[in-house]
Amino acid sequence: MVRISKEIEGRWNMEKDPRTIDLTSVSIGACIVSVLNRLLKRNDISINDNFLEAGGQSLHAMTVIDELRDRFGIEISPVLIFECATIAEIADRCLTEEEEFSV
């Protein structure tokens, strides 16, 4: 499940400029890659890599979740990270499930 924080949702409703919050699968994927590269002291992880095969573990997943919450105001379940085949799929599911949740 993915949830948008009320603070971020309020900014979306109050501001007309779509550039205010860059909530796209590309930006979410880049955030995940950045966090994982930083945690694992690597620079070769890409959005096409599998989170677990790249070296991600449950504590890394929690750090990614915290970063996504802080940067984009979204809440995701740790299960989502481990269900997806690639980091790109995690990013896509963040948006897809957020849309389903907000309907």
PDB file of N, CA and C in Angstrom:
ATOM      1  N   MET A   1       0.838  -1.173   0.000  1.00  0.00           N
ATOM      2  CA  MET A   1       0.000   0.000   0.000  1.00  0.00           C
ATOM      3  C   MET A   1       0.888   1.243   0.000  1.00  0.00           C
ATOM      4  N   VAL A   2       0.464   2.248  -0.728  1.00  0.00           N
ATOM      5  CA  VAL A   2       1.174   3.518  -0.797  1.00  0.00           C
ATOM      6  C   VAL A   2       0.213   4.602  -0.364  1.00  0.00           C
ATOM      7  N   ARG A   3       0.705   5.520   0.447  1.00  0.00           N
ATOM      8  CA  ARG A   3      -0.131   6.608   0.922  1.00  0.00           C
ATOM      9  C   ARG A   3       0.626   7.925   0.762  1.00  0.00           C
ATOM     10  N   ILE A   4      -0.067   8.979   0.341  1.00  0.00           N
ATOM     11  CA  ILE A   4       0.533  10.310   0.243  1.00  0.00           C
ATOM     12  C   ILE A   4       0.238  11.052   1.544  1.00  0.00           C
ATOM     13  N   SER A   5       1.248  11.686   2.116  1.00  0.00           N
ATOM     14  CA  SER A   5       1.030  12.397   3.373  1.00  0.00           C
ATOM     15  C   SER A   5       0.094  13.582   3.166  1.00  0.00           C
ATOM     16  N   LYS A   6      -0.616  13.966   4.202  1.00  0.00           N
ATOM     17  CA  LYS A   6      -1.555  15.083   4.118  1.00  0.00           C
ATOM     18  C   LYS A   6      -0.835  16.386   3.793  1.00  0.00           C
ATOM     19  N   GLU A   7       0.386  16.557   4.282  1.00  0.00           N
ATOM     20  CA  GLU A   7       1.163  17.772   3.991  1.00  0.00           C
ATOM     21  C   GLU A   7       1.428  17.900   2.496  1.00  0.00           C
ATOM     22  N   ILE A   8       1.874  16.812   1.865  1.00  0.00           N
ATOM     23  CA  ILE A   8       2.156  16.835   0.431  1.00  0.00           C
ATOM     24  C   ILE A   8       0.859  16.966  -0.348  1.00  0.00           C
ATOM     25  N   GLU A   9      -0.163  16.235   0.049  1.00  0.00           N
ATOM     26  CA  GLU A   9      -1.453  16.307  -0.628  1.00  0.00           C
ATOM     27  C   GLU A   9      -1.993  17.733  -0.569  1.00  0.00           C
ATOM     28  N   GLY A  10      -1.840  18.391   0.572  1.00  0.00           N
ATOM     29  CA  GLY A  10      -2.284  19.774   0.708  1.00  0.00           C
ATOM     30  C   GLY A  10      -1.560  20.698  -0.241  1.00  0.00           C
ATOM     31  N   ARG A  11      -0.260  20.480  -0.420  1.00  0.00           N
ATOM     32  CA  ARG A  11       0.499  21.300  -1.367  1.00  0.00           C
ATOM     33  C   ARG A  11       0.005  21.083  -2.780  1.00  0.00           C
ATOM     34  N   TRP A  12      -0.361  19.844  -3.113  1.00  0.00           N
ATOM     35  CA  TRP A  12      -0.883  19.587  -4.454  1.00  0.00           C
ATOM     36  C   TRP A  12      -2.182  20.331  -4.680  1.00  0.00           C
ATOM     37  N   ASN A  13      -3.044  20.338  -3.673  1.00  0.00           N
ATOM     38  CA  ASN A  13      -4.333  20.983  -3.814  1.00  0.00           C
ATOM     39  C   ASN A  13      -4.214  22.497  -3.841  1.00  0.00           C
ATOM     40  N   MET A  14      -3.250  23.065  -3.127  1.00  0.00           N
ATOM     41  CA  MET A  14      -3.132  24.505  -3.012  1.00  0.00           C
ATOM     42  C   MET A  14      -2.328  25.127  -4.141  1.00  0.00           C
ATOM     43  N   GLU A  15      -1.423  24.394  -4.722  1.00  0.00           N
ATOM     44  CA  GLU A  15      -0.540  24.956  -5.736  1.00  0.00           C
ATOM     45  C   GLU A  15      -0.874  24.380  -7.097  1.00  0.00           C
ATOM     46  N   LYS A  16      -0.876  25.241  -8.091  1.00  0.00           N
ATOM     47  CA  LYS A  16      -1.235  24.814  -9.440  1.00  0.00           C
ATOM     48  C   LYS A  16      -0.016  24.328 -10.236  1.00  0.00           C
ATOM     49  N   ASP A  17       1.179  24.671  -9.807  1.00  0.00           N
ATOM     50  CA  ASP A  17       2.393  24.353 -10.549  1.00  0.00           C
ATOM     51  C   ASP A  17       2.735  22.870 -10.384  1.00  0.00           C
ATOM     52  N   PRO A  18       2.653  22.059 -11.459  1.00  0.00           N
ATOM     53  CA  PRO A  18       2.928  20.621 -11.335  1.00  0.00           C
ATOM     54  C   PRO A  18       4.393  20.309 -11.042  1.00  0.00           C
ATOM     55  N   ARG A  19       5.275  21.293 -11.185  1.00  0.00           N
ATOM     56  CA  ARG A  19       6.690  21.049 -10.909  1.00  0.00           C
ATOM     57  C   ARG A  19       6.994  21.097  -9.421  1.00  0.00           C
ATOM     58  N   THR A  20       6.033  21.462  -8.609  1.00  0.00           N
ATOM     59  CA  THR A  20       6.249  21.596  -7.176  1.00  0.00           C
ATOM     60  C   THR A  20       6.729  20.290  -6.565  1.00  0.00           C
ATOM     61  N   ILE A  21       6.091  19.215  -6.905  1.00  0.00           N
ATOM     62  CA  ILE A  21       6.455  17.908  -6.383  1.00  0.00           C
ATOM     63  C   ILE A  21       6.663  16.970  -7.561  1.00  0.00           C
ATOM     64  N   ASP A  22       7.867  16.467  -7.687  1.00  0.00           N
ATOM     65  CA  ASP A  22       8.215  15.619  -8.823  1.00  0.00           C
ATOM     66  C   ASP A  22       7.978  14.167  -8.456  1.00  0.00           C
ATOM     67  N   LEU A  23       6.718  13.767  -8.480  1.00  0.00           N
ATOM     68  CA  LEU A  23       6.363  12.397  -8.113  1.00  0.00           C
ATOM     69  C   LEU A  23       6.140  11.593  -9.386  1.00  0.00           C
ATOM     70  N   THR A  24       7.236  11.084  -9.931  1.00  0.00           N
ATOM     71  CA  THR A  24       7.184  10.237 -11.122  1.00  0.00           C
ATOM     72  C   THR A  24       7.942   8.956 -10.812  1.00  0.00           C
ATOM     73  N   SER A  25       7.719   7.946 -11.640  1.00  0.00           N
ATOM     74  CA  SER A  25       8.448   6.700 -11.409  1.00  0.00           C
ATOM     75  C   SER A  25       9.948   6.910 -11.590  1.00  0.00           C
ATOM     76  N   VAL A  26      10.335   7.852 -12.457  1.00  0.00           N
ATOM     77  CA  VAL A  26      11.761   8.129 -12.659  1.00  0.00           C
ATOM     78  C   VAL A  26      12.372   8.727 -11.393  1.00  0.00           C
ATOM     79  N   SER A  27      11.687   9.714 -10.799  1.00  0.00           N
ATOM     80  CA  SER A  27      12.238  10.354  -9.600  1.00  0.00           C
ATOM     81  C   SER A  27      12.238   9.394  -8.409  1.00  0.00           C
ATOM     82  N   ILE A  28      11.209   8.581  -8.295  1.00  0.00           N
ATOM     83  CA  ILE A  28      11.156   7.598  -7.210  1.00  0.00           C
ATOM     84  C   ILE A  28      12.253   6.554  -7.403  1.00  0.00           C
ATOM     85  N   GLY A  29      12.408   6.066  -8.633  1.00  0.00           N
ATOM     86  CA  GLY A  29      13.457   5.088  -8.925  1.00  0.00           C
ATOM     87  C   GLY A  29      14.844   5.650  -8.664  1.00  0.00           C
ATOM     88  N   ALA A  30      15.063   6.904  -9.071  1.00  0.00           N
ATOM     89  CA  ALA A  30      16.363   7.542  -8.838  1.00  0.00           C
ATOM     90  C   ALA A  30      16.651   7.679  -7.347  1.00  0.00           C
ATOM     91  N   CYS A  31      15.633   7.972  -6.572  1.00  0.00           N
ATOM     92  CA  CYS A  31      15.789   8.079  -5.119  1.00  0.00           C
ATOM     93  C   CYS A  31      16.186   6.730  -4.528  1.00  0.00           C
ATOM     94  N   ILE A  32      15.516   5.672  -4.938  1.00  0.00           N
ATOM     95  CA  ILE A  32      15.826   4.329  -4.428  1.00  0.00           C
ATOM     96  C   ILE A  32      17.247   3.928  -4.796  1.00  0.00           C
ATOM     97  N   VAL A  33      17.625   4.165  -6.054  1.00  0.00           N
ATOM     98  CA  VAL A  33      18.983   3.834  -6.517  1.00  0.00           C
ATOM     99  C   VAL A  33      20.017   4.621  -5.722  1.00  0.00           C
ATOM    100  N   SER A  34      19.763   5.899  -5.524  1.00  0.00           N
ATOM    101  CA  SER A  34      20.696   6.751  -4.785  1.00  0.00           C
ATOM    102  C   SER A  34      20.900   6.256  -3.361  1.00  0.00           C
ATOM    103  N   VAL A  35      19.814   5.928  -2.688  1.00  0.00           N
ATOM    104  CA  VAL A  35      19.898   5.444  -1.305  1.00  0.00           C
ATOM    105  C   VAL A  35      20.645   4.112  -1.253  1.00  0.00           C
ATOM    106  N   LEU A  36      20.307   3.201  -2.157  1.00  0.00           N
ATOM    107  CA  LEU A  36      20.949   1.885  -2.142  1.00  0.00           C
ATOM    108  C   LEU A  36      22.435   1.986  -2.477  1.00  0.00           C
ATOM    109  N   ASN A  37      22.779   2.803  -3.469  1.00  0.00           N
ATOM    110  CA  ASN A  37      24.203   3.004  -3.784  1.00  0.00           C
ATOM    111  C   ASN A  37      24.949   3.578  -2.579  1.00  0.00           C
ATOM    112  N   ARG A  38      24.347   4.546  -1.898  1.00  0.00           N
ATOM    113  CA  ARG A  38      24.974   5.168  -0.727  1.00  0.00           C
ATOM    114  C   ARG A  38      25.147   4.150   0.407  1.00  0.00           C
ATOM    115  N   LEU A  39      24.107   3.394   0.700  1.00  0.00           N
ATOM    116  CA  LEU A  39      24.169   2.430   1.801  1.00  0.00           C
ATOM    117  C   LEU A  39      25.173   1.321   1.549  1.00  0.00           C
ATOM    118  N   LEU A  40      25.245   0.884   0.303  1.00  0.00           N
ATOM    119  CA  LEU A  40      26.133  -0.246  -0.027  1.00  0.00           C
ATOM    120  C   LEU A  40      27.514   0.211  -0.494  1.00  0.00           C
ATOM    121  N   LYS A  41      27.721   1.550  -0.464  1.00  0.00           N
ATOM    122  CA  LYS A  41      29.010   2.119  -0.895  1.00  0.00           C
ATOM    123  C   LYS A  41      29.379   1.646  -2.305  1.00  0.00           C
ATOM    124  N   ARG A  42      28.381   1.772  -3.194  1.00  0.00           N
ATOM    125  CA  ARG A  42      28.556   1.394  -4.596  1.00  0.00           C
ATOM    126  C   ARG A  42      28.121   2.564  -5.464  1.00  0.00           C
ATOM    127  N   ASN A  43      28.357   2.430  -6.742  1.00  0.00           N
ATOM    128  CA  ASN A  43      27.852   3.440  -7.676  1.00  0.00           C
ATOM    129  C   ASN A  43      27.395   2.800  -8.984  1.00  0.00           C
ATOM    130  N   ASP A  44      27.193   1.495  -8.953  1.00  0.00           N
ATOM    131  CA  ASP A  44      26.846   0.788 -10.183  1.00  0.00           C
ATOM    132  C   ASP A  44      25.427   0.212 -10.183  1.00  0.00           C
ATOM    133  N   ILE A  45      24.635   0.502  -9.160  1.00  0.00           N
ATOM    134  CA  ILE A  45      23.264  -0.005  -9.103  1.00  0.00           C
ATOM    135  C   ILE A  45      22.380   0.872  -9.982  1.00  0.00           C
ATOM    136  N   SER A  46      21.502   0.227 -10.754  1.00  0.00           N
ATOM    137  CA  SER A  46      20.594   0.975 -11.637  1.00  0.00           C
ATOM    138  C   SER A  46      19.157   0.558 -11.367  1.00  0.00           C
ATOM    139  N   ILE A  47      18.230   1.258 -11.987  1.00  0.00           N
ATOM    140  CA  ILE A  47      16.815   0.947 -11.783  1.00  0.00           C
ATOM    141  C   ILE A  47      16.436  -0.415 -12.351  1.00  0.00           C
ATOM    142  N   ASN A  48      17.288  -0.984 -13.185  1.00  0.00           N
ATOM    143  CA  ASN A  48      17.014  -2.300 -13.769  1.00  0.00           C
ATOM    144  C   ASN A  48      17.494  -3.444 -12.884  1.00  0.00           C
ATOM    145  N   ASP A  49      18.131  -3.117 -11.763  1.00  0.00           N
ATOM    146  CA  ASP A  49      18.633  -4.137 -10.853  1.00  0.00           C
ATOM    147  C   ASP A  49      17.544  -4.579  -9.881  1.00  0.00           C
ATOM    148  N   ASN A  50      17.683  -5.807  -9.406  1.00  0.00           N
ATOM    149  CA  ASN A  50      16.811  -6.341  -8.365  1.00  0.00           C
ATOM    150  C   ASN A  50      17.330  -5.841  -7.028  1.00  0.00           C
ATOM    151  N   PHE A  51      16.433  -5.332  -6.189  1.00  0.00           N
ATOM    152  CA  PHE A  51      16.814  -4.769  -4.891  1.00  0.00           C
ATOM    153  C   PHE A  51      17.630  -5.760  -4.065  1.00  0.00           C
ATOM    154  N   LEU A  52      17.149  -6.993  -3.950  1.00  0.00           N
ATOM    155  CA  LEU A  52      17.835  -7.991  -3.137  1.00  0.00           C
ATOM    156  C   LEU A  52      19.138  -8.457  -3.769  1.00  0.00           C
ATOM    157  N   GLU A  53      19.118  -8.707  -5.067  1.00  0.00           N
ATOM    158  CA  GLU A  53      20.326  -9.171  -5.754  1.00  0.00           C
ATOM    159  C   GLU A  53      21.421  -8.114  -5.761  1.00  0.00           C
ATOM    160  N   ALA A  54      21.028  -6.840  -5.698  1.00  0.00           N
ATOM    161  CA  ALA A  54      22.014  -5.752  -5.646  1.00  0.00           C
ATOM    162  C   ALA A  54      22.641  -5.647  -4.260  1.00  0.00           C
ATOM    163  N   GLY A  55      22.079  -6.361  -3.285  1.00  0.00           N
ATOM    164  CA  GLY A  55      22.624  -6.346  -1.934  1.00  0.00           C
ATOM    165  C   GLY A  55      21.701  -5.732  -0.902  1.00  0.00           C
ATOM    166  N   GLY A  56      20.509  -5.314  -1.329  1.00  0.00           N
ATOM    167  CA  GLY A  56      19.547  -4.720  -0.400  1.00  0.00           C
ATOM    168  C   GLY A  56      19.025  -5.732   0.592  1.00  0.00           C
ATOM    169  N   GLN A  57      18.871  -5.304   1.829  1.00  0.00           N
ATOM    170  CA  GLN A  57      18.331  -6.132   2.898  1.00  0.00           C
ATOM    171  C   GLN A  57      17.186  -5.382   3.564  1.00  0.00           C
ATOM    172  N   SER A  58      16.586  -5.981   4.568  1.00  0.00           N
ATOM    173  CA  SER A  58      15.422  -5.374   5.209  1.00  0.00           C
ATOM    174  C   SER A  58      15.732  -4.012   5.825  1.00  0.00           C
ATOM    175  N   LEU A  59      16.898  -3.855   6.436  1.00  0.00           N
ATOM    176  CA  LEU A  59      17.253  -2.546   7.001  1.00  0.00           C
ATOM    177  C   LEU A  59      17.440  -1.509   5.904  1.00  0.00           C
ATOM    178  N   HIS A  60      17.976  -1.920   4.770  1.00  0.00           N
ATOM    179  CA  HIS A  60      18.103  -1.005   3.623  1.00  0.00           C
ATOM    180  C   HIS A  60      16.717  -0.593   3.125  1.00  0.00           C
ATOM    181  N   ALA A  61      15.811  -1.559   3.110  1.00  0.00           N
ATOM    182  CA  ALA A  61      14.444  -1.267   2.671  1.00  0.00           C
ATOM    183  C   ALA A  61      13.803  -0.218   3.573  1.00  0.00           C
ATOM    184  N   MET A  62      14.029  -0.323   4.877  1.00  0.00           N
ATOM    185  CA  MET A  62      13.463   0.655   5.808  1.00  0.00           C
ATOM    186  C   MET A  62      14.055   2.041   5.572  1.00  0.00           C
ATOM    187  N   THR A  63      15.336   2.106   5.243  1.00  0.00           N
ATOM    188  CA  THR A  63      15.972   3.389   4.944  1.00  0.00           C
ATOM    189  C   THR A  63      15.385   3.981   3.669  1.00  0.00           C
ATOM    190  N   VAL A  64      15.157   3.139   2.664  1.00  0.00           N
ATOM    191  CA  VAL A  64      14.526   3.592   1.421  1.00  0.00           C
ATOM    192  C   VAL A  64      13.126   4.125   1.712  1.00  0.00           C
ATOM    193  N   ILE A  65      12.380   3.410   2.524  1.00  0.00           N
ATOM    194  CA  ILE A  65      11.016   3.830   2.874  1.00  0.00           C
ATOM    195  C   ILE A  65      11.040   5.193   3.574  1.00  0.00           C
ATOM    196  N   ASP A  66      11.974   5.373   4.497  1.00  0.00           N
ATOM    197  CA  ASP A  66      12.101   6.662   5.189  1.00  0.00           C
ATOM    198  C   ASP A  66      12.440   7.789   4.213  1.00  0.00           C
ATOM    199  N   GLU A  67      13.340   7.512   3.292  1.00  0.00           N
ATOM    200  CA  GLU A  67      13.750   8.524   2.310  1.00  0.00           C
ATOM    201  C   GLU A  67      12.591   8.896   1.386  1.00  0.00           C
ATOM    202  N   LEU A  68      11.816   7.911   0.936  1.00  0.00           N
ATOM    203  CA  LEU A  68      10.657   8.192   0.083  1.00  0.00           C
ATOM    204  C   LEU A  68       9.620   9.017   0.843  1.00  0.00           C
ATOM    205  N   ARG A  69       9.451   8.718   2.122  1.00  0.00           N
ATOM    206  CA  ARG A  69       8.510   9.489   2.944  1.00  0.00           C
ATOM    207  C   ARG A  69       8.997  10.929   3.092  1.00  0.00           C
ATOM    208  N   ASP A  70      10.283  11.087   3.398  1.00  0.00           N
ATOM    209  CA  ASP A  70      10.836  12.427   3.605  1.00  0.00           C
ATOM    210  C   ASP A  70      10.857  13.253   2.324  1.00  0.00           C
ATOM    211  N   ARG A  71      11.243  12.632   1.219  1.00  0.00           N
ATOM    212  CA  ARG A  71      11.417  13.366  -0.027  1.00  0.00           C
ATOM    213  C   ARG A  71      10.103  13.605  -0.765  1.00  0.00           C
ATOM    214  N   PHE A  72       9.224  12.591  -0.787  1.00  0.00           N
ATOM    215  CA  PHE A  72       8.011  12.677  -1.609  1.00  0.00           C
ATOM    216  C   PHE A  72       6.714  12.638  -0.811  1.00  0.00           C
ATOM    217  N   GLY A  73       6.804  12.326   0.478  1.00  0.00           N
ATOM    218  CA  GLY A  73       5.606  12.244   1.288  1.00  0.00           C
ATOM    219  C   GLY A  73       4.767  11.018   1.013  1.00  0.00           C
ATOM    220  N   ILE A  74       5.392   9.957   0.509  1.00  0.00           N
ATOM    221  CA  ILE A  74       4.644   8.730   0.245  1.00  0.00           C
ATOM    222  C   ILE A  74       5.043   7.658   1.244  1.00  0.00           C
ATOM    223  N   GLU A  75       4.099   6.817   1.558  1.00  0.00           N
ATOM    224  CA  GLU A  75       4.316   5.698   2.473  1.00  0.00           C
ATOM    225  C   GLU A  75       4.148   4.411   1.675  1.00  0.00           C
ATOM    226  N   ILE A  76       5.152   3.539   1.731  1.00  0.00           N
ATOM    227  CA  ILE A  76       5.010   2.246   1.068  1.00  0.00           C
ATOM    228  C   ILE A  76       5.262   1.138   2.077  1.00  0.00           C
ATOM    229  N   SER A  77       4.722  -0.006   1.781  1.00  0.00           N
ATOM    230  CA  SER A  77       4.922  -1.179   2.614  1.00  0.00           C
ATOM    231  C   SER A  77       6.264  -1.822   2.258  1.00  0.00           C
ATOM    232  N   PRO A  78       7.000  -2.311   3.249  1.00  0.00           N
ATOM    233  CA  PRO A  78       8.241  -3.034   2.943  1.00  0.00           C
ATOM    234  C   PRO A  78       7.991  -4.232   2.025  1.00  0.00           C
ATOM    235  N   VAL A  79       6.824  -4.807   2.116  1.00  0.00           N
ATOM    236  CA  VAL A  79       6.481  -5.956   1.277  1.00  0.00           C
ATOM    237  C   VAL A  79       6.589  -5.585  -0.200  1.00  0.00           C
ATOM    238  N   LEU A  80       6.164  -4.376  -0.549  1.00  0.00           N
ATOM    239  CA  LEU A  80       6.214  -3.932  -1.947  1.00  0.00           C
ATOM    240  C   LEU A  80       7.636  -4.019  -2.494  1.00  0.00           C
ATOM    241  N   ILE A  81       8.612  -3.625  -1.694  1.00  0.00           N
ATOM    242  CA  ILE A  81      10.012  -3.644  -2.144  1.00  0.00           C
ATOM    243  C   ILE A  81      10.459  -5.063  -2.468  1.00  0.00           C
ATOM    244  N   PHE A  82      10.046  -6.017  -1.657  1.00  0.00           N
ATOM    245  CA  PHE A  82      10.517  -7.389  -1.842  1.00  0.00           C
ATOM    246  C   PHE A  82       9.700  -8.166  -2.867  1.00  0.00           C
ATOM    247  N   GLU A  83       8.518  -7.677  -3.213  1.00  0.00           N
ATOM    248  CA  GLU A  83       7.689  -8.337  -4.222  1.00  0.00           C
ATOM    249  C   GLU A  83       8.139  -8.016  -5.647  1.00  0.00           C
ATOM    250  N   CYS A  84       8.793  -6.905  -5.839  1.00  0.00           N
ATOM    251  CA  CYS A  84       9.104  -6.424  -7.193  1.00  0.00           C
ATOM    252  C   CYS A  84      10.406  -7.016  -7.727  1.00  0.00           C
ATOM    253  N   ALA A  85      10.431  -7.232  -9.038  1.00  0.00           N
ATOM    254  CA  ALA A  85      11.605  -7.822  -9.685  1.00  0.00           C
ATOM    255  C   ALA A  85      12.745  -6.819  -9.834  1.00  0.00           C
ATOM    256  N   THR A  86      12.417  -5.542 -10.046  1.00  0.00           N
ATOM    257  CA  THR A  86      13.456  -4.524 -10.242  1.00  0.00           C
ATOM    258  C   THR A  86      13.103  -3.258  -9.462  1.00  0.00           C
ATOM    259  N   ILE A  87      14.085  -2.397  -9.323  1.00  0.00           N
ATOM    260  CA  ILE A  87      13.852  -1.102  -8.682  1.00  0.00           C
ATOM    261  C   ILE A  87      12.864  -0.287  -9.506  1.00  0.00           C
ATOM    262  N   ALA A  88      12.940  -0.393 -10.830  1.00  0.00           N
ATOM    263  CA  ALA A  88      11.987   0.310 -11.702  1.00  0.00           C
ATOM    264  C   ALA A  88      10.556  -0.138 -11.406  1.00  0.00           C
ATOM    265  N   GLU A  89      10.364  -1.417 -11.165  1.00  0.00           N
ATOM    266  CA  GLU A  89       9.025  -1.928 -10.851  1.00  0.00           C
ATOM    267  C   GLU A  89       8.546  -1.399  -9.492  1.00  0.00           C
ATOM    268  N   ILE A  90       9.469  -1.292  -8.529  1.00  0.00           N
ATOM    269  CA  ILE A  90       9.104  -0.709  -7.237  1.00  0.00           C
ATOM    270  C   ILE A  90       8.569   0.706  -7.458  1.00  0.00           C
ATOM    271  N   ALA A  91       9.300   1.489  -8.249  1.00  0.00           N
ATOM    272  CA  ALA A  91       8.901   2.881  -8.516  1.00  0.00           C
ATOM    273  C   ALA A  91       7.543   2.942  -9.213  1.00  0.00           C
ATOM    274  N   ASP A  92       7.344   2.101 -10.210  1.00  0.00           N
ATOM    275  CA  ASP A  92       6.062   2.075 -10.925  1.00  0.00           C
ATOM    276  C   ASP A  92       4.919   1.688  -9.987  1.00  0.00           C
ATOM    277  N   ARG A  93       5.155   0.690  -9.156  1.00  0.00           N
ATOM    278  CA  ARG A  93       4.112   0.243  -8.224  1.00  0.00           C
ATOM    279  C   ARG A  93       3.787   1.315  -7.192  1.00  0.00           C
ATOM    280  N   CYS A  94       4.782   2.101  -6.795  1.00  0.00           N
ATOM    281  CA  CYS A  94       4.516   3.210  -5.865  1.00  0.00           C
ATOM    282  C   CYS A  94       3.451   4.122  -6.439  1.00  0.00           C
ATOM    283  N   LEU A  95       3.566   4.455  -7.708  1.00  0.00           N
ATOM    284  CA  LEU A  95       2.600   5.349  -8.333  1.00  0.00           C
ATOM    285  C   LEU A  95       1.274   4.654  -8.593  1.00  0.00           C
ATOM    286  N   THR A  96       1.323   3.432  -9.089  1.00  0.00           N
ATOM    287  CA  THR A  96       0.112   2.697  -9.405  1.00  0.00           C
ATOM    288  C   THR A  96      -0.740   2.460  -8.168  1.00  0.00           C
ATOM    289  N   GLU A  97      -0.100   1.995  -7.104  1.00  0.00           N
ATOM    290  CA  GLU A  97      -0.837   1.694  -5.886  1.00  0.00           C
ATOM    291  C   GLU A  97      -1.304   2.962  -5.190  1.00  0.00           C
ATOM    292  N   GLU A  98      -0.569   4.062  -5.340  1.00  0.00           N
ATOM    293  CA  GLU A  98      -1.021   5.333  -4.770  1.00  0.00           C
ATOM    294  C   GLU A  98      -2.288   5.769  -5.452  1.00  0.00           C
ATOM    295  N   GLU A  99      -2.348   5.616  -6.790  1.00  0.00           N
ATOM    296  CA  GLU A  99      -3.545   5.992  -7.539  1.00  0.00           C
ATOM    297  C   GLU A  99      -4.729   5.133  -7.120  1.00  0.00           C
ATOM    298  N   GLU A 100      -4.513   3.836  -6.948  1.00  0.00           N
ATOM    299  CA  GLU A 100      -5.584   2.944  -6.523  1.00  0.00           C
ATOM    300  C   GLU A 100      -6.054   3.293  -5.116  1.00  0.00           C
ATOM    301  N   PHE A 101      -5.120   3.648  -4.244  1.00  0.00           N
ATOM    302  CA  PHE A 101      -5.455   3.954  -2.861  1.00  0.00           C
ATOM    303  C   PHE A 101      -6.275   5.242  -2.767  1.00  0.00           C
ATOM    304  N   SER A 102      -5.961   6.225  -3.594  1.00  0.00           N
ATOM    305  CA  SER A 102      -6.615   7.521  -3.464  1.00  0.00           C
ATOM    306  C   SER A 102      -7.968   7.586  -4.145  1.00  0.00           C
ATOM    307  N   VAL A 103      -8.382   6.534  -4.856  1.00  0.00           N
ATOM    308  CA  VAL A 103      -9.675   6.550  -5.551  1.00  0.00           C
ATOM    309  C   VAL A 103     -10.794   6.300  -4.588  1.00  0.00           C
TER     310      VAL A 103
END
